Amino acid sequence: MLLPDPVRSHAVLIGVHEYRHLAPLPGVQAGVGRLADLLCDPTVWGLPRRHVTVLGAEVSADRILQAVRDAGKAAAETLLVYFAGHGLREYRRKELYLALADADEDHLTIGTLPYADLVGMLRHEEFPARRRMMFLDCCYSGLATSMGGGSVAVLERYDLANLVVDMGAGQGDAGDDDDSDVIGHVMTSASGTQPSYTPGGSYPLFTGALIEVLEKGIPGAGPTLSAHSIWQHIRQQSIRSTPQYRALNARKNEPWVRNRAGEARPAVPTRRVLPAKPEPVPSPADPSGELRFTTVKGGGYRIGEVKERMKSVIAKAGDPRLGWQAVPPHFRTVSLRWTWGWDMEEVDAHVEQWRAEPKEFVDALRLLLARQGITVVPDGGPPVGRLTARFAKDAVTFTETHLCLKSPDARMSIPYSELEHVRRATSTEKVDTGVVNDQGVYPSDSIVFITHVTYGHRTLEFREGYPTPVLDALRAFQPAMSDLRERHPEWFRMVP
């Protein structure tokens, strides 16, 4: 099962260890630093270091939200947010506040970040990330579950605010269906009524357990670990509180990181390996031609959906241009304990037999751009074509051999083999957009984002408001192509 692409993922890690009115938490700072190192380790996940933002004790609520906003704009695959520090609760409305350096237990609106604000930013509908992950290590972090009383409106607006449930309610790790394509994971260190613990001279207990899993892995858990499997392991440890977990869209088994304790073995178990060519690829079907997999009670894929959609998923998995859409879990899962489903590993292994690794540069380019919703324009067509509505019309075009840019004053055609010589610089400018009419003067200012793209002796300038389509396209494309160059340098020696 494929891990989320680290090159297209971002993380924001917040650790508040010093307080003016609350007890210090010295282990928090070390824990955040170690987590950042592990997330960047290729044997765990492999996030580029520039994709991890670490915020410390003096951070403000606005700075946190800005960091999550910036990471959310840049992350096309996974957006992860982690907070460690004190948690405060409002008893009447049962709301959770994340305590920052100036937090005051008697006045919760001072020096805090309401959890609803943070999860609202994480859940922003314009962010492209298909997977959003939230980890909370603070007292009463399970209050992210109910947000009752006057916060009902907040719940209806931000689904992730309702992802974690108290184990006492008997729901544990169940997942809810959602109409969106966003996959959400929330894991907390405690229930809504429990404190979390940070012993002197050590990591917070929950963070320490998470670090241990990433460092050592889980024996017998396979080559990859999901957020759900990590939570199951941590809740069996002695951390003096009850960690909570919830998944949105029932994607709890989706892989997240590599398992350092996993045995070296093929992605498909030996008993399911198919015969080598030229023998035809068999299908797990009975004599009537109907698909058959092992059935499991209270879990697995919904049988009817597998039968109905298997052909379309197989077609996507086998097409380099569409393979990014065929990512486990491929089908909706069974949610009721007494309902039978098909074993997810067997079904996923069957699909993976058709997984195609691009063998040509053009196919890899199509796959890379498809993840951003962009279509490659064939060579020989117009030098600058039209992209989807997500990007500025005619400003950026990707052909099979060139990146084409068009500013109001000039245009530029850059071979993909020369992308490492392209430089991009950004700045902002305040513009007066006030209105003067016979009714009076109405002053107003707007921010313009300026992007300069330099190749050789030429520079193009793009001036954009919000959103910033040209900047967003280049910011996502250039790192992805750099990663592709590292993996296949031979392609870039041949590309014009």
Protein backbone atom coordinates (compact mmCIF):
# COMPACT_ATOMS: atom_id res chain seq x y z
CA MET A 1 0.00 0.00 0.00
CA LEU A 2 1.36 3.38 -0.99
CA LEU A 3 2.33 6.01 1.58
CA PRO A 4 1.20 9.62 1.12
CA ASP A 5 3.71 11.40 -1.09
CA PRO A 6 6.06 13.32 1.29
CA VAL A 7 7.12 15.72 -1.47
CA ARG A 8 3.51 16.89 -1.73
CA SER A 9 2.85 16.94 2.03
CA HIS A 10 3.46 19.51 4.77
CA ALA A 11 3.47 19.47 8.59
CA VAL A 12 3.09 22.19 11.23
CA LEU A 13 4.39 21.19 14.69
CA ILE A 14 3.57 23.46 17.64
CA GLY A 15 5.22 22.97 21.02
CA VAL A 16 4.59 25.46 23.85
CA HIS A 17 6.85 24.61 26.79
CA GLU A 18 7.16 27.93 28.67
CA TYR A 19 4.27 29.83 30.29
CA ARG A 20 3.99 33.02 32.28
CA HIS A 21 1.04 31.92 34.44
CA LEU A 22 1.04 28.11 34.06
CA ALA A 23 3.55 25.40 34.94
CA PRO A 24 6.38 24.92 32.40
CA LEU A 25 6.51 21.76 30.26
CA PRO A 26 10.24 21.33 29.50
CA GLY A 27 9.83 18.01 27.70
CA VAL A 28 7.57 19.50 25.03
CA GLN A 29 10.35 21.31 23.18
CA ALA A 30 12.50 18.19 22.88
CA GLY A 31 9.49 16.12 21.83
CA VAL A 32 8.57 18.46 18.99
CA GLY A 33 12.16 18.52 17.75
CA ARG A 34 12.39 14.74 17.77
CA LEU A 35 9.08 14.37 15.95
CA ALA A 36 10.26 16.76 13.25
CA ASP A 37 13.43 14.69 12.76
CA LEU A 38 11.48 11.45 12.52
CA LEU A 39 8.93 12.80 10.03
CA CYS A 40 11.82 13.90 7.80
CA ASP A 41 13.61 10.55 8.09
CA PRO A 42 13.21 8.55 4.82
CA THR A 43 12.88 5.34 6.83
CA VAL A 44 9.79 6.80 8.53
CA TRP A 45 8.10 9.16 6.06
CA GLY A 46 10.68 11.36 4.34
CA LEU A 47 9.17 14.84 4.48
CA PRO A 48 11.54 17.43 3.00
CA ARG A 49 12.87 19.54 5.86
CA ARG A 50 11.51 22.69 4.24
CA HIS A 51 8.02 21.18 4.43
CA VAL A 52 8.06 21.02 8.25
CA THR A 53 7.26 24.19 10.21
CA VAL A 54 8.17 24.08 13.93
CA LEU A 55 6.67 26.76 16.18
CA GLY A 56 7.87 27.29 19.75
CA ALA A 57 6.94 28.86 23.07
CA GLU A 58 6.43 32.48 22.01
CA VAL A 59 4.16 31.71 19.07
CA SER A 60 0.88 33.62 18.80
CA ALA A 61 -2.52 32.33 17.76
CA ASP A 62 -2.33 34.33 14.52
CA ARG A 63 1.10 32.91 13.69
CA ILE A 64 -0.18 29.36 14.15
CA LEU A 65 -3.16 29.95 11.88
CA GLN A 66 -0.92 31.63 9.30
CA ALA A 67 1.48 28.68 9.34
CA VAL A 68 -1.36 26.19 8.87
CA ARG A 69 -2.77 28.37 6.09
CA ASP A 70 0.55 28.47 4.25
CA ALA A 71 1.12 24.75 4.66
CA GLY A 72 -2.46 24.06 3.57
CA LYS A 73 -1.99 26.00 0.35
CA ALA A 74 1.22 24.13 -0.46
CA ALA A 75 0.20 20.57 0.53
CA ALA A 76 -1.44 18.65 -2.29
CA GLU A 77 -1.38 15.25 -0.53
CA THR A 78 -1.30 15.42 3.30
CA LEU A 79 -1.52 18.29 5.79
CA LEU A 80 -0.49 17.38 9.36
CA VAL A 81 -0.86 19.60 12.44
CA TYR A 82 0.51 18.66 15.88
CA PHE A 83 0.11 20.60 19.13
CA ALA A 84 1.71 19.92 22.51
CA GLY A 85 1.27 22.13 25.55
CA HIS A 86 -1.36 22.92 28.16
CA GLY A 87 -5.01 22.48 27.30
CA LEU A 88 -7.74 24.48 29.07
CA ARG A 89 -11.45 23.77 29.12
CA GLU A 90 -14.54 25.92 29.40
CA TYR A 91 -16.84 23.88 31.62
CA ARG A 92 -20.23 25.32 30.68
CA ARG A 93 -19.85 25.08 26.91
CA LYS A 94 -17.31 22.22 27.06
CA GLU A 95 -14.90 23.88 24.66
CA LEU A 96 -11.18 23.25 24.33
CA TYR A 97 -8.61 26.06 24.30
CA LEU A 98 -4.95 25.44 23.39
CA ALA A 99 -2.85 27.39 25.87
CA LEU A 100 -0.10 29.66 24.54
CA ALA A 101 2.57 31.48 26.56
CA ASP A 102 0.23 34.15 28.01
CA ALA A 103 -2.65 31.80 28.81
CA ASP A 104 -4.71 32.57 31.94
CA GLU A 105 -6.83 29.79 33.47
CA ASP A 106 -9.31 32.35 34.78
CA HIS A 107 -9.76 34.15 31.45
CA LEU A 108 -9.70 31.56 28.68
CA THR A 109 -9.93 34.01 25.79
CA ILE A 110 -6.57 35.55 26.74
CA GLY A 111 -3.40 33.95 25.39
CA THR A 112 -5.10 30.91 23.88
CA LEU A 113 -6.09 29.46 20.54
CA PRO A 114 -9.62 28.00 20.44
CA TYR A 115 -9.45 24.50 19.01
CA ALA A 116 -12.40 25.29 16.75
CA ASP A 117 -10.35 28.03 15.06
CA LEU A 118 -7.41 25.71 14.46
CA VAL A 119 -9.48 22.86 13.08
CA GLY A 120 -11.44 25.33 10.98
CA MET A 121 -8.23 26.37 9.27
CA LEU A 122 -7.15 22.75 8.86
CA ARG A 123 -10.50 21.94 7.27
CA HIS A 124 -10.42 24.92 4.85
CA GLU A 125 -12.30 23.86 1.73
CA GLU A 126 -9.89 25.56 -0.68
CA PHE A 127 -6.86 23.58 0.50
CA PRO A 128 -5.97 20.84 -2.02
CA ALA A 129 -4.76 18.22 0.50
CA ARG A 130 -6.89 15.07 0.38
CA ARG A 131 -5.77 13.99 3.85
CA ARG A 132 -5.81 16.18 6.99
CA MET A 133 -4.25 14.93 10.25
CA MET A 134 -4.51 16.47 13.73
CA PHE A 135 -2.53 15.31 16.79
CA LEU A 136 -3.23 16.91 20.19
CA ASP A 137 -1.12 16.27 23.30
CA CYS A 138 -2.72 18.40 26.01
CA CYS A 139 -5.10 18.10 28.93
CA TYR A 140 -8.76 17.56 28.05
CA SER A 141 -7.85 17.12 24.36
CA GLY A 142 -10.85 14.80 24.00
CA LEU A 143 -13.04 17.92 24.20
CA ALA A 144 -12.36 18.15 20.49
CA THR A 145 -15.01 15.44 20.41
CA SER A 146 -18.17 17.16 21.48
CA MET A 147 -17.77 20.93 21.54
CA GLY A 148 -21.25 20.94 22.97
CA GLY A 149 -23.59 23.74 24.02
CA GLY A 150 -23.13 26.95 22.12
CA SER A 151 -20.61 25.43 19.72
CA VAL A 152 -23.12 23.43 17.69
CA ALA A 153 -22.75 25.91 14.83
CA VAL A 154 -19.01 25.37 14.89
CA LEU A 155 -19.54 21.61 14.68
CA GLU A 156 -21.76 21.90 11.67
CA ARG A 157 -19.18 24.01 9.90
CA TYR A 158 -16.03 22.07 10.77
CA ASP A 159 -16.44 18.31 10.53
CA LEU A 160 -13.00 17.61 11.97
CA ALA A 161 -14.07 19.19 15.25
CA ASN A 162 -16.30 16.16 15.80
CA LEU A 163 -13.87 13.42 14.86
CA VAL A 164 -12.72 12.34 18.30
CA VAL A 165 -15.08 10.60 20.69
CA ASP A 166 -14.84 9.65 24.33
CA MET A 167 -14.21 5.94 24.76
CA GLY A 168 -16.82 5.99 27.47
CA ALA A 169 -19.45 6.57 24.79
CA GLY A 170 -18.58 3.18 23.36
CA GLN A 171 -17.60 4.39 19.89
CA GLY A 172 -13.81 4.24 20.01
CA ASP A 173 -12.38 3.98 16.50
CA ALA A 174 -15.47 4.00 14.32
CA GLY A 175 -15.45 6.22 11.25
CA ASP A 176 -18.23 8.38 9.86
CA ASP A 177 -19.10 8.77 6.21
CA ASP A 178 -18.81 12.22 4.72
CA ASP A 179 -19.85 13.65 1.40
CA SER A 180 -16.45 15.22 0.73
CA ASP A 181 -13.31 13.52 -0.57
CA VAL A 182 -11.28 14.80 2.39
CA ILE A 183 -9.87 12.11 4.67
CA GLY A 184 -9.42 13.17 8.28
CA HIS A 185 -7.53 11.65 11.20
CA VAL A 186 -7.58 13.09 14.72
CA MET A 187 -5.66 11.56 17.63
CA THR A 188 -5.60 12.99 21.13
CA SER A 189 -3.63 12.17 24.26
CA ALA A 190 -6.64 12.00 26.59
CA SER A 191 -10.41 12.05 26.83
CA GLY A 192 -12.40 15.21 27.38
CA THR A 193 -12.26 14.83 31.17
CA GLN A 194 -8.67 13.68 31.65
CA PRO A 195 -5.39 15.54 32.05
CA SER A 196 -2.31 14.60 30.07
CA TYR A 197 1.02 14.00 31.74
CA THR A 198 4.55 15.32 31.22
CA PRO A 199 7.03 13.87 33.73
CA GLY A 200 10.07 15.96 34.60
CA GLY A 201 13.04 15.46 32.29
CA SER A 202 11.05 13.49 29.73
CA TYR A 203 8.79 13.85 26.72
CA PRO A 204 5.05 14.21 27.38
CA LEU A 205 3.85 10.62 27.80
CA PHE A 206 1.64 10.59 24.70
CA THR A 207 4.27 12.27 22.53
CA GLY A 208 6.90 9.89 23.90
CA ALA A 209 4.75 6.91 22.97
CA LEU A 210 4.25 8.32 19.47
CA ILE A 211 8.00 8.91 19.10
CA GLU A 212 8.73 5.36 20.23
CA VAL A 213 6.38 3.93 17.60
CA LEU A 214 8.01 5.96 14.84
CA GLU A 215 11.54 5.10 16.08
CA LYS A 216 11.07 1.38 16.70
CA GLY A 217 7.95 0.45 14.76
CA ILE A 218 5.38 -2.18 15.73
CA PRO A 219 6.51 -5.83 15.35
CA GLY A 220 4.18 -7.91 13.24
CA ALA A 221 2.22 -4.93 11.92
CA GLY A 222 3.49 -5.16 8.35
CA PRO A 223 5.64 -2.78 6.28
CA THR A 224 3.51 0.32 6.91
CA LEU A 225 1.56 1.86 9.79
CA SER A 226 -1.69 3.78 9.71
CA ALA A 227 -2.69 6.46 12.22
CA HIS A 228 -5.29 3.99 13.48
CA SER A 229 -2.77 1.17 14.09
CA ILE A 230 -0.47 3.61 15.90
CA TRP A 231 -3.35 4.72 18.13
CA GLN A 232 -4.23 1.09 18.92
CA HIS A 233 -0.63 0.47 19.97
CA ILE A 234 -0.31 3.64 22.05
CA ARG A 235 -3.55 3.08 23.97
CA GLN A 236 -2.08 -0.20 25.24
CA GLN A 237 0.88 1.66 26.77
CA SER A 238 0.94 3.10 30.27
CA ILE A 239 0.56 6.85 29.70
CA ARG A 240 -1.96 7.44 32.54
CA SER A 241 -4.66 8.72 30.16
CA THR A 242 -6.89 7.29 27.44
CA PRO A 243 -5.86 8.37 23.93
CA GLN A 244 -8.72 8.97 21.51
CA TYR A 245 -8.94 8.52 17.74
CA ARG A 246 -11.44 9.18 14.99
CA ALA A 247 -11.32 8.90 11.20
CA LEU A 248 -13.44 10.84 8.73
CA ASN A 249 -14.74 8.94 5.69
CA ALA A 250 -13.84 5.58 7.29
CA ARG A 251 -10.22 5.68 6.07
CA LYS A 252 -8.67 4.49 9.31
CA ASN A 253 -6.46 1.80 7.69
CA GLU A 254 -4.84 4.07 5.11
CA PRO A 255 -1.00 3.84 5.45
CA TRP A 256 0.82 6.84 6.83
CA VAL A 257 4.45 5.94 7.70
CA ARG A 258 6.87 3.06 7.25
CA ASN A 259 7.10 0.47 10.01
CA ARG A 260 10.73 0.22 11.12
CA ALA A 261 9.94 -3.11 12.75
CA GLY A 262 8.31 -4.45 9.60
CA GLU A 263 9.90 -7.45 7.95
CA ALA A 264 11.31 -6.96 4.49
CA ARG A 265 8.69 -8.53 2.28
CA PRO A 266 6.90 -7.75 -0.97
CA ALA A 267 3.89 -5.46 -0.91
CA VAL A 268 1.73 -8.47 -1.88
CA PRO A 269 1.95 -11.42 0.54
CA THR A 270 3.65 -14.55 -0.82
CA ARG A 271 0.46 -16.59 -0.90
CA ARG A 272 -1.09 -14.01 -3.23
CA VAL A 273 1.83 -13.60 -5.70
CA LEU A 274 0.64 -14.11 -9.27
CA PRO A 275 2.41 -16.33 -11.83
CA ALA A 276 5.11 -14.75 -13.94
CA LYS A 277 4.37 -13.81 -17.53
CA PRO A 278 3.43 -15.02 -20.10
CA GLU A 279 0.77 -16.78 -18.05
CA PRO A 280 -2.40 -14.65 -17.79
CA VAL A 281 -3.08 -12.76 -14.57
CA PRO A 282 -5.66 -14.78 -12.61
CA SER A 283 -8.66 -13.24 -10.91
CA PRO A 284 -9.94 -14.32 -7.48
CA ALA A 285 -13.15 -15.64 -9.00
CA ASP A 286 -15.20 -18.79 -8.70
CA PRO A 287 -16.13 -20.88 -11.81
CA SER A 288 -19.04 -18.53 -12.49
CA GLY A 289 -16.59 -15.63 -12.91
CA GLU A 290 -17.77 -13.81 -9.77
CA LEU A 291 -15.14 -12.18 -7.53
CA ARG A 292 -14.42 -13.93 -4.23
CA PHE A 293 -12.32 -12.76 -1.30
CA THR A 294 -12.09 -13.77 2.36
CA THR A 295 -15.01 -12.34 4.33
CA VAL A 296 -14.52 -10.69 7.72
CA LYS A 297 -17.17 -9.72 10.22
CA GLY A 298 -17.51 -6.11 11.32
CA GLY A 299 -14.90 -4.79 8.89
CA GLY A 300 -13.48 -4.90 5.41
CA TYR A 301 -14.74 -3.42 2.16
CA ARG A 302 -18.43 -3.37 1.33
CA ILE A 303 -18.93 -6.38 -0.94
CA GLY A 304 -21.47 -4.81 -3.24
CA GLU A 305 -19.31 -1.76 -3.87
CA VAL A 306 -16.26 -3.90 -4.69
CA LYS A 307 -18.24 -5.87 -7.25
CA GLU A 308 -19.67 -2.70 -8.78
CA ARG A 309 -16.51 -0.59 -8.96
CA MET A 310 -13.62 -3.08 -9.25
CA LYS A 311 -13.26 -2.68 -13.04
CA SER A 312 -13.00 1.10 -12.87
CA VAL A 313 -10.44 0.96 -10.03
CA ILE A 314 -8.36 -1.62 -11.93
CA ALA A 315 -8.45 0.60 -15.03
CA LYS A 316 -7.12 3.57 -13.06
CA ALA A 317 -4.42 1.52 -11.31
CA GLY A 318 -3.11 0.30 -14.66
CA ASP A 319 -2.99 3.72 -16.32
CA PRO A 320 0.05 5.90 -15.44
CA ARG A 321 -2.05 8.97 -16.14
CA LEU A 322 -4.77 7.94 -13.68
CA GLY A 323 -2.95 5.68 -11.24
CA TRP A 324 -2.77 8.42 -8.60
CA GLN A 325 -6.56 8.14 -8.28
CA ALA A 326 -6.33 4.43 -7.36
CA VAL A 327 -4.99 4.84 -3.82
CA PRO A 328 -6.14 2.59 -0.93
CA PRO A 329 -8.65 2.39 0.53
CA HIS A 330 -10.31 1.89 -2.85
CA PHE A 331 -13.85 1.26 -1.60
CA ARG A 332 -16.09 2.23 1.29
CA THR A 333 -15.80 0.03 4.35
CA VAL A 334 -18.25 -1.83 6.53
CA SER A 335 -19.15 0.14 9.66
CA LEU A 336 -21.47 -2.20 11.60
CA ARG A 337 -20.06 -4.93 13.84
CA TRP A 338 -22.41 -7.64 12.63
CA THR A 339 -22.03 -6.90 8.92
CA TRP A 340 -19.67 -8.91 6.71
CA GLY A 341 -17.17 -7.37 4.32
CA TRP A 342 -14.30 -8.48 2.11
CA ASP A 343 -10.76 -8.56 3.51
CA MET A 344 -9.16 -5.21 2.62
CA GLU A 345 -5.62 -6.56 2.23
CA GLU A 346 -6.73 -9.22 -0.26
CA VAL A 347 -8.74 -6.74 -2.31
CA ASP A 348 -5.92 -4.17 -2.27
CA ALA A 349 -3.39 -6.84 -3.28
CA HIS A 350 -5.62 -7.77 -6.21
CA VAL A 351 -5.74 -4.14 -7.34
CA GLU A 352 -1.98 -3.66 -6.90
CA GLN A 353 -1.28 -6.35 -9.50
CA TRP A 354 -2.30 -3.78 -12.09
CA ARG A 355 -0.26 -0.97 -10.61
CA ALA A 356 1.91 0.55 -13.34
CA GLU A 357 5.12 2.40 -12.62
CA PRO A 358 5.65 4.98 -15.39
CA LYS A 359 8.42 3.83 -17.72
CA GLU A 360 8.59 7.00 -19.80
CA PHE A 361 9.13 10.63 -18.83
CA VAL A 362 5.90 11.79 -20.47
CA ASP A 363 3.85 9.29 -18.47
CA ALA A 364 5.55 10.37 -15.23
CA LEU A 365 4.90 14.01 -16.15
CA ARG A 366 1.21 13.30 -16.79
CA LEU A 367 0.94 11.48 -13.48
CA LEU A 368 2.69 14.27 -11.57
CA LEU A 369 0.51 17.00 -13.09
CA ALA A 370 -2.68 15.00 -12.75
CA ARG A 371 -2.18 15.16 -8.99
CA GLN A 372 -2.60 18.92 -9.32
CA GLY A 373 -5.58 18.65 -11.69
CA ILE A 374 -3.51 19.77 -14.71
CA THR A 375 -3.56 18.31 -18.21
CA VAL A 376 -0.44 18.06 -20.38
CA VAL A 377 -0.82 19.90 -23.72
CA PRO A 378 0.61 17.88 -26.65
CA ASP A 379 3.65 19.31 -28.40
CA GLY A 380 2.78 21.00 -31.65
CA GLY A 381 -0.28 22.63 -30.17
CA PRO A 382 -0.56 26.28 -29.18
CA PRO A 383 2.54 27.50 -27.30
CA VAL A 384 0.37 28.53 -24.35
CA GLY A 385 -2.90 26.71 -23.77
CA ARG A 386 -5.67 26.90 -21.22
CA LEU A 387 -5.53 25.18 -17.85
CA THR A 388 -8.37 24.30 -15.53
CA ALA A 389 -10.20 27.12 -13.76
CA ARG A 390 -7.96 26.58 -10.76
CA PHE A 391 -5.14 28.40 -12.56
CA ALA A 392 -4.94 31.71 -14.37
CA LYS A 393 -6.11 31.37 -17.97
CA ASP A 394 -3.20 31.15 -20.45
CA ALA A 395 -0.59 32.06 -17.81
CA VAL A 396 0.95 28.61 -17.30
CA THR A 397 0.96 25.65 -19.68
CA PHE A 398 2.74 22.30 -19.47
CA THR A 399 3.56 20.63 -22.78
CA GLU A 400 5.25 17.25 -23.19
CA THR A 401 8.67 18.92 -23.32
CA HIS A 402 8.39 22.50 -22.00
CA LEU A 403 7.00 24.65 -19.21
CA CYS A 404 5.41 27.64 -20.94
CA LEU A 405 4.78 30.92 -19.11
CA LYS A 406 2.94 33.98 -20.37
CA SER A 407 2.90 37.30 -18.55
CA PRO A 408 1.05 40.40 -19.76
CA ASP A 409 4.27 41.62 -21.41
CA ALA A 410 6.16 38.54 -22.57
CA ARG A 411 6.28 34.76 -22.73
CA MET A 412 8.89 32.13 -21.94
CA SER A 413 9.34 28.48 -22.95
CA ILE A 414 11.57 26.43 -20.61
CA PRO A 415 12.72 22.84 -21.35
CA TYR A 416 12.10 20.53 -18.40
CA SER A 417 15.79 19.58 -18.45
CA GLU A 418 16.58 23.24 -17.60
CA LEU A 419 14.19 23.65 -14.67
CA GLU A 420 17.03 23.51 -12.16
CA HIS A 421 18.26 26.82 -13.63
CA VAL A 422 14.92 28.58 -13.13
CA ARG A 423 14.69 30.97 -10.19
CA ARG A 424 11.49 32.14 -8.54
CA ALA A 425 11.19 35.12 -6.16
CA THR A 426 8.05 36.41 -4.45
CA SER A 427 7.09 39.63 -2.73
CA THR A 428 3.97 41.57 -1.78
CA GLU A 429 2.79 45.09 -2.44
CA LYS A 430 0.01 47.12 -0.86
CA VAL A 431 -2.30 48.67 -3.46
CA ASP A 432 -4.83 51.44 -2.91
CA THR A 433 -8.24 50.12 -4.00
CA GLY A 434 -10.32 52.82 -2.35
CA VAL A 435 -13.35 54.38 -4.03
CA VAL A 436 -14.11 58.08 -4.47
CA ASN A 437 -17.56 59.14 -5.63
CA ASP A 438 -20.15 61.82 -4.97
CA GLN A 439 -21.07 60.07 -1.73
CA GLY A 440 -17.62 60.46 -0.28
CA VAL A 441 -14.22 58.78 0.00
CA TYR A 442 -14.02 55.09 0.92
CA PRO A 443 -10.36 54.15 1.55
CA SER A 444 -9.27 50.56 1.18
CA ASP A 445 -6.03 48.64 0.64
CA SER A 446 -5.41 45.28 -1.03
CA ILE A 447 -2.36 43.04 -1.09
CA VAL A 448 -0.89 42.06 -4.46
CA PHE A 449 1.39 39.00 -4.65
CA ILE A 450 4.28 39.50 -7.08
CA THR A 451 6.10 36.49 -8.56
CA HIS A 452 9.28 36.91 -10.61
CA VAL A 453 10.40 33.93 -12.71
CA THR A 454 13.95 34.18 -14.08
CA TYR A 455 15.48 31.90 -16.70
CA GLY A 456 18.77 32.92 -18.27
CA HIS A 457 18.78 36.65 -18.84
CA ARG A 458 14.98 36.98 -18.95
CA THR A 459 12.52 37.62 -16.12
CA LEU A 460 8.72 37.48 -16.21
CA GLU A 461 6.56 39.24 -13.63
CA PHE A 462 3.15 38.01 -12.46
CA ARG A 463 0.97 40.17 -10.22
CA GLU A 464 -1.85 38.28 -8.50
CA GLY A 465 -4.42 38.83 -5.82
CA TYR A 466 -5.98 36.09 -3.74
CA PRO A 467 -5.92 33.29 -4.78
CA THR A 468 -2.47 33.14 -6.42
CA PRO A 469 -2.81 30.58 -9.24
CA VAL A 470 0.54 31.10 -10.98
CA LEU A 471 2.51 31.09 -7.72
CA ASP A 472 0.64 28.01 -6.47
CA ALA A 473 1.23 26.11 -9.72
CA LEU A 474 4.98 26.77 -9.74
CA ARG A 475 5.40 26.24 -6.00
CA ALA A 476 3.92 22.74 -6.29
CA PHE A 477 5.50 21.81 -9.64
CA GLN A 478 9.15 22.74 -9.15
CA PRO A 479 9.84 20.62 -6.01
CA ALA A 480 7.99 17.66 -7.56
CA MET A 481 10.14 17.86 -10.69
CA SER A 482 13.30 18.10 -8.57
CA ASP A 483 12.31 14.88 -6.83
CA LEU A 484 11.62 13.24 -10.20
CA ARG A 485 15.07 14.33 -11.43
CA GLU A 486 16.72 12.71 -8.42
CA ARG A 487 14.92 9.42 -9.05
CA HIS A 488 15.35 9.38 -12.84
CA PRO A 489 18.29 11.59 -13.90
CA GLU A 490 18.46 9.76 -17.24
CA TRP A 491 15.12 11.21 -18.29
CA PHE A 492 16.38 14.76 -17.92
CA ARG A 493 19.42 14.15 -20.07
CA MET A 494 17.11 13.25 -22.95
CA VAL A 495 14.28 15.72 -22.44
CA PRO A 496 14.65 18.74 -24.79
